Amino acid sequence: MRLNKLVVAALISVSSTVALAQDTVKIGALLPLSGNYGFLGVSERYGIDMALEEINAEGGVLGKQIEVQYEDSGTAAQSTRKATRMLQNDKVDFFVNGGGSSVSTAMAEFALRNKVVNLALDPNSEELVRGKANRYFFLVPPPSSMIANAFVPEVAKLGKSVYFLTHDYSYGIAQTTEQRRVLKEYADVEEVGETRIPLGTRDFSSQIIAVATPSQMC
């Protein structure tokens, strides 16, 4: 739990003098507690609650107790409306957000506009470390380029052909785009096709059966 305390201490150290003067530090957690990403938000809340209990039981961070206020992030527009309310009415000091890249992109803009620190827990969008990057927004997962740089060389060891099953939204498209970029470095590995799959699909058996023909197998 020492790492979690160090993270919170770092956030406090770069915060406003108002947060430094308070006995309690408030964190606004905008998590996907329903919808396609609900399974992520629920587990994230459990993790935050566990860390919160342990940290506060040990005296908090820099002598301050930590309080977390939760909201279902919803859409990008809903997330920033809720964040604005939490900032103005509830005097939240920092934010964390879960959910997809669209929510995180909106929260990156919100953080910059309001000069408040936000930590994104889920997205891998390349845009978040490029065009939308700013000094108030931090990303926990690796962006799509880092994933592709690590993943594709291992895939290239397995065979000579690749077929992409792409989730048809920003995350899936970005992943496939970055993996194609790295795949170009392997002249002996051929891309043989792509199928875009609707968001929310959990069973890929029909797509796998459709592409697993002798001409498309590795």
Protein backbone atom coordinates (compact mmCIF):
# COMPACT_ATOMS: atom_id res chain seq x y z
CA MET A 1 0.00 0.00 0.00
CA ARG A 2 3.03 2.28 0.23
CA LEU A 3 2.88 2.93 -3.53
CA ASN A 4 -0.74 4.11 -3.30
CA LYS A 5 0.21 6.49 -0.48
CA LEU A 6 3.08 7.86 -2.53
CA VAL A 7 0.74 8.53 -5.46
CA VAL A 8 -1.72 10.43 -3.26
CA ALA A 9 1.13 12.32 -1.58
CA ALA A 10 2.41 13.37 -5.00
CA LEU A 11 -1.04 14.63 -5.95
CA ILE A 12 -1.28 16.64 -2.74
CA SER A 13 2.18 18.10 -3.27
CA VAL A 14 1.17 19.57 -6.64
CA SER A 15 -2.26 20.70 -5.46
CA SER A 16 -3.54 24.13 -4.58
CA THR A 17 -2.89 25.71 -1.20
CA VAL A 18 -6.57 25.12 -0.41
CA ALA A 19 -6.12 21.35 -0.56
CA LEU A 20 -2.92 21.58 1.47
CA ALA A 21 -4.73 23.47 4.21
CA GLN A 22 -7.62 21.00 4.53
CA ASP A 23 -7.75 18.11 6.99
CA THR A 24 -9.43 15.93 4.37
CA VAL A 25 -8.49 15.55 0.72
CA LYS A 26 -11.42 14.89 -1.59
CA ILE A 27 -11.06 12.78 -4.72
CA GLY A 28 -13.84 12.68 -7.29
CA ALA A 29 -14.07 9.25 -8.93
CA LEU A 30 -16.00 9.20 -12.19
CA LEU A 31 -16.22 5.49 -12.98
CA PRO A 32 -18.30 3.47 -15.47
CA LEU A 33 -20.62 1.88 -12.94
CA SER A 34 -23.10 0.83 -15.64
CA GLY A 35 -23.12 0.11 -19.38
CA ASN A 36 -20.47 -1.60 -21.51
CA TYR A 37 -17.64 -0.72 -19.15
CA GLY A 38 -19.58 -1.43 -15.95
CA PHE A 39 -17.47 -4.49 -15.13
CA LEU A 40 -14.40 -2.24 -15.04
CA GLY A 41 -15.98 0.46 -12.89
CA VAL A 42 -17.23 -1.96 -10.26
CA SER A 43 -13.81 -3.59 -9.85
CA GLU A 44 -12.11 -0.17 -9.81
CA ARG A 45 -14.42 0.99 -7.04
CA TYR A 46 -13.62 -2.12 -4.99
CA GLY A 47 -9.90 -1.43 -5.42
CA ILE A 48 -10.21 2.23 -4.48
CA ASP A 49 -12.30 1.36 -1.41
CA MET A 50 -9.71 -1.18 -0.25
CA ALA A 51 -6.88 1.31 -0.66
CA LEU A 52 -8.88 4.05 1.02
CA GLU A 53 -9.61 1.91 4.08
CA GLU A 54 -5.99 0.91 4.52
CA ILE A 55 -4.54 4.36 3.91
CA ASN A 56 -6.91 6.13 6.30
CA ALA A 57 -6.43 3.44 8.96
CA GLU A 58 -2.71 4.15 8.85
CA GLY A 59 -3.20 7.86 9.42
CA GLY A 60 -3.90 9.02 5.89
CA VAL A 61 -1.37 10.81 3.69
CA LEU A 62 0.71 13.70 5.00
CA GLY A 63 -1.59 13.74 8.02
CA LYS A 64 -4.74 14.07 5.91
CA GLN A 65 -7.64 11.65 5.61
CA ILE A 66 -8.71 10.77 2.08
CA GLU A 67 -12.35 10.93 1.01
CA VAL A 68 -13.64 9.60 -2.32
CA GLN A 69 -16.90 10.70 -3.90
CA TYR A 70 -18.22 8.39 -6.64
CA GLU A 71 -20.29 9.13 -9.73
CA ASP A 72 -21.22 6.97 -12.71
CA SER A 73 -19.19 8.58 -15.49
CA GLY A 74 -21.81 8.07 -18.20
CA THR A 75 -21.09 9.75 -21.53
CA ALA A 76 -18.29 12.23 -22.17
CA ALA A 77 -20.68 15.17 -21.77
CA GLN A 78 -22.21 13.70 -18.61
CA SER A 79 -18.81 13.09 -17.07
CA THR A 80 -17.69 16.70 -17.43
CA ARG A 81 -21.03 18.01 -16.14
CA LYS A 82 -20.71 15.82 -13.06
CA ALA A 83 -17.05 16.78 -12.62
CA THR A 84 -17.97 20.47 -12.80
CA ARG A 85 -20.61 20.01 -10.12
CA MET A 86 -18.20 18.06 -7.90
CA LEU A 87 -15.53 20.72 -8.34
CA GLN A 88 -17.78 23.70 -7.70
CA ASN A 89 -20.27 22.35 -5.15
CA ASP A 90 -18.40 19.55 -3.40
CA LYS A 91 -14.95 21.19 -3.53
CA VAL A 92 -13.24 18.07 -4.90
CA ASP A 93 -9.44 18.45 -5.05
CA PHE A 94 -8.52 15.79 -7.62
CA PHE A 95 -10.25 13.46 -10.07
CA VAL A 96 -9.86 9.92 -11.32
CA ASN A 97 -11.89 8.61 -14.24
CA GLY A 98 -12.54 5.26 -15.81
CA GLY A 99 -14.34 4.30 -18.98
CA GLY A 100 -13.48 4.71 -22.62
CA SER A 101 -11.29 7.14 -24.47
CA SER A 102 -14.12 9.57 -25.21
CA VAL A 103 -14.73 10.12 -21.49
CA SER A 104 -11.01 10.44 -20.83
CA THR A 105 -10.57 12.91 -23.70
CA ALA A 106 -13.33 15.07 -22.23
CA MET A 107 -11.78 14.80 -18.77
CA ALA A 108 -8.33 15.75 -20.14
CA GLU A 109 -9.85 18.94 -21.53
CA PHE A 110 -11.72 19.51 -18.25
CA ALA A 111 -8.50 19.10 -16.24
CA LEU A 112 -6.64 21.60 -18.40
CA ARG A 113 -9.50 24.09 -18.41
CA ASN A 114 -9.90 24.00 -14.62
CA LYS A 115 -6.21 23.40 -13.75
CA VAL A 116 -7.10 20.35 -11.67
CA VAL A 117 -5.28 16.99 -11.69
CA ASN A 118 -7.06 14.03 -13.28
CA LEU A 119 -5.86 10.41 -13.40
CA ALA A 120 -7.37 8.19 -16.14
CA LEU A 121 -7.57 4.50 -15.22
CA ASP A 122 -8.72 2.71 -18.39
CA PRO A 123 -8.06 4.24 -21.81
CA ASN A 124 -5.25 3.47 -24.27
CA SER A 125 -5.99 6.18 -26.82
CA GLU A 126 -2.93 7.52 -28.59
CA GLU A 127 -4.54 10.97 -28.70
CA LEU A 128 -4.36 11.20 -24.91
CA VAL A 129 -0.56 11.19 -24.98
CA ARG A 130 -0.33 13.36 -28.10
CA GLY A 131 -2.87 15.99 -29.06
CA LYS A 132 -4.74 15.97 -25.73
CA ALA A 133 -1.71 15.60 -23.47
CA ASN A 134 -1.37 18.31 -20.81
CA ARG A 135 0.30 18.88 -17.46
CA TYR A 136 -2.88 18.15 -15.45
CA PHE A 137 -3.83 14.84 -17.05
CA PHE A 138 -2.18 11.49 -16.27
CA LEU A 139 -2.73 8.09 -17.88
CA VAL A 140 -2.33 4.77 -16.06
CA PRO A 141 -2.47 2.20 -18.94
CA PRO A 142 0.03 2.18 -21.81
CA PRO A 143 -1.14 3.92 -25.01
CA SER A 144 -1.88 1.92 -28.13
CA SER A 145 1.60 2.46 -29.60
CA MET A 146 3.31 0.91 -26.57
CA ILE A 147 0.97 -2.09 -26.65
CA ALA A 148 1.63 -2.63 -30.35
CA ASN A 149 5.39 -2.29 -29.92
CA ALA A 150 5.35 -5.07 -27.32
CA PHE A 151 2.64 -7.30 -28.80
CA VAL A 152 3.28 -7.49 -32.55
CA PRO A 153 6.87 -8.83 -32.34
CA GLU A 154 5.56 -11.75 -30.30
CA VAL A 155 2.71 -12.39 -32.75
CA ALA A 156 5.19 -12.37 -35.63
CA LYS A 157 6.93 -15.35 -34.05
CA LEU A 158 3.76 -17.45 -34.25
CA GLY A 159 3.12 -17.54 -37.99
CA LYS A 160 3.12 -15.81 -41.35
CA SER A 161 -0.35 -14.29 -41.60
CA VAL A 162 -2.51 -12.02 -39.43
CA TYR A 163 -6.25 -11.35 -39.43
CA PHE A 164 -7.58 -8.46 -37.32
CA LEU A 165 -10.78 -8.71 -35.27
CA THR A 166 -11.31 -5.04 -34.49
CA HIS A 167 -13.81 -3.62 -32.00
CA ASP A 168 -15.58 -0.96 -34.07
CA TYR A 169 -14.94 2.14 -31.96
CA SER A 170 -12.00 4.41 -31.14
CA TYR A 171 -10.11 1.97 -28.89
CA GLY A 172 -10.28 -1.00 -31.25
CA ILE A 173 -9.54 1.04 -34.35
CA ALA A 174 -6.55 2.70 -32.66
CA GLN A 175 -5.18 -0.68 -31.58
CA THR A 176 -5.43 -2.12 -35.08
CA THR A 177 -3.91 1.02 -36.61
CA GLU A 178 -0.89 0.88 -34.32
CA GLN A 179 -0.44 -2.87 -34.78
CA ARG A 180 -0.49 -2.41 -38.56
CA ARG A 181 2.24 0.19 -38.17
CA VAL A 182 4.51 -2.24 -36.36
CA LEU A 183 3.55 -5.15 -38.60
CA LYS A 184 5.08 -3.31 -41.58
CA GLU A 185 8.48 -4.01 -40.03
CA TYR A 186 7.91 -7.75 -40.63
CA ALA A 187 7.99 -8.30 -44.38
CA ASP A 188 7.47 -12.05 -44.01
CA VAL A 189 4.17 -11.61 -42.12
CA GLU A 190 1.11 -10.77 -44.23
CA GLU A 191 -2.16 -9.17 -43.17
CA VAL A 192 -4.97 -11.19 -44.76
CA GLY A 193 -8.00 -9.22 -43.62
CA GLU A 194 -10.02 -7.45 -40.95
CA THR A 195 -13.50 -7.74 -39.49
CA ARG A 196 -14.92 -4.91 -37.40
CA ILE A 197 -17.04 -6.09 -34.49
CA PRO A 198 -19.71 -4.02 -32.69
CA LEU A 199 -18.89 -2.71 -29.23
CA GLY A 200 -20.25 -4.99 -26.53
CA THR A 201 -19.58 -8.23 -28.40
CA ARG A 202 -18.43 -10.91 -25.96
CA ASP A 203 -18.52 -14.07 -28.12
CA PHE A 204 -16.09 -14.06 -31.06
CA SER A 205 -16.59 -17.70 -32.07
CA SER A 206 -18.56 -16.93 -35.26
CA GLN A 207 -15.91 -14.46 -36.47
CA ILE A 208 -13.08 -16.86 -35.69
CA ILE A 209 -14.81 -19.71 -37.53
CA ALA A 210 -15.43 -17.44 -40.54
CA VAL A 211 -11.75 -16.54 -40.95
CA ALA A 212 -10.19 -19.88 -39.99
CA THR A 213 -9.87 -21.25 -43.53
CA PRO A 214 -6.73 -22.90 -44.92
CA SER A 215 -5.81 -19.78 -46.92
CA GLN A 216 -6.05 -17.58 -43.82
CA MET A 217 -4.54 -19.81 -41.18
CA CYS A 218 -0.98 -19.17 -39.98
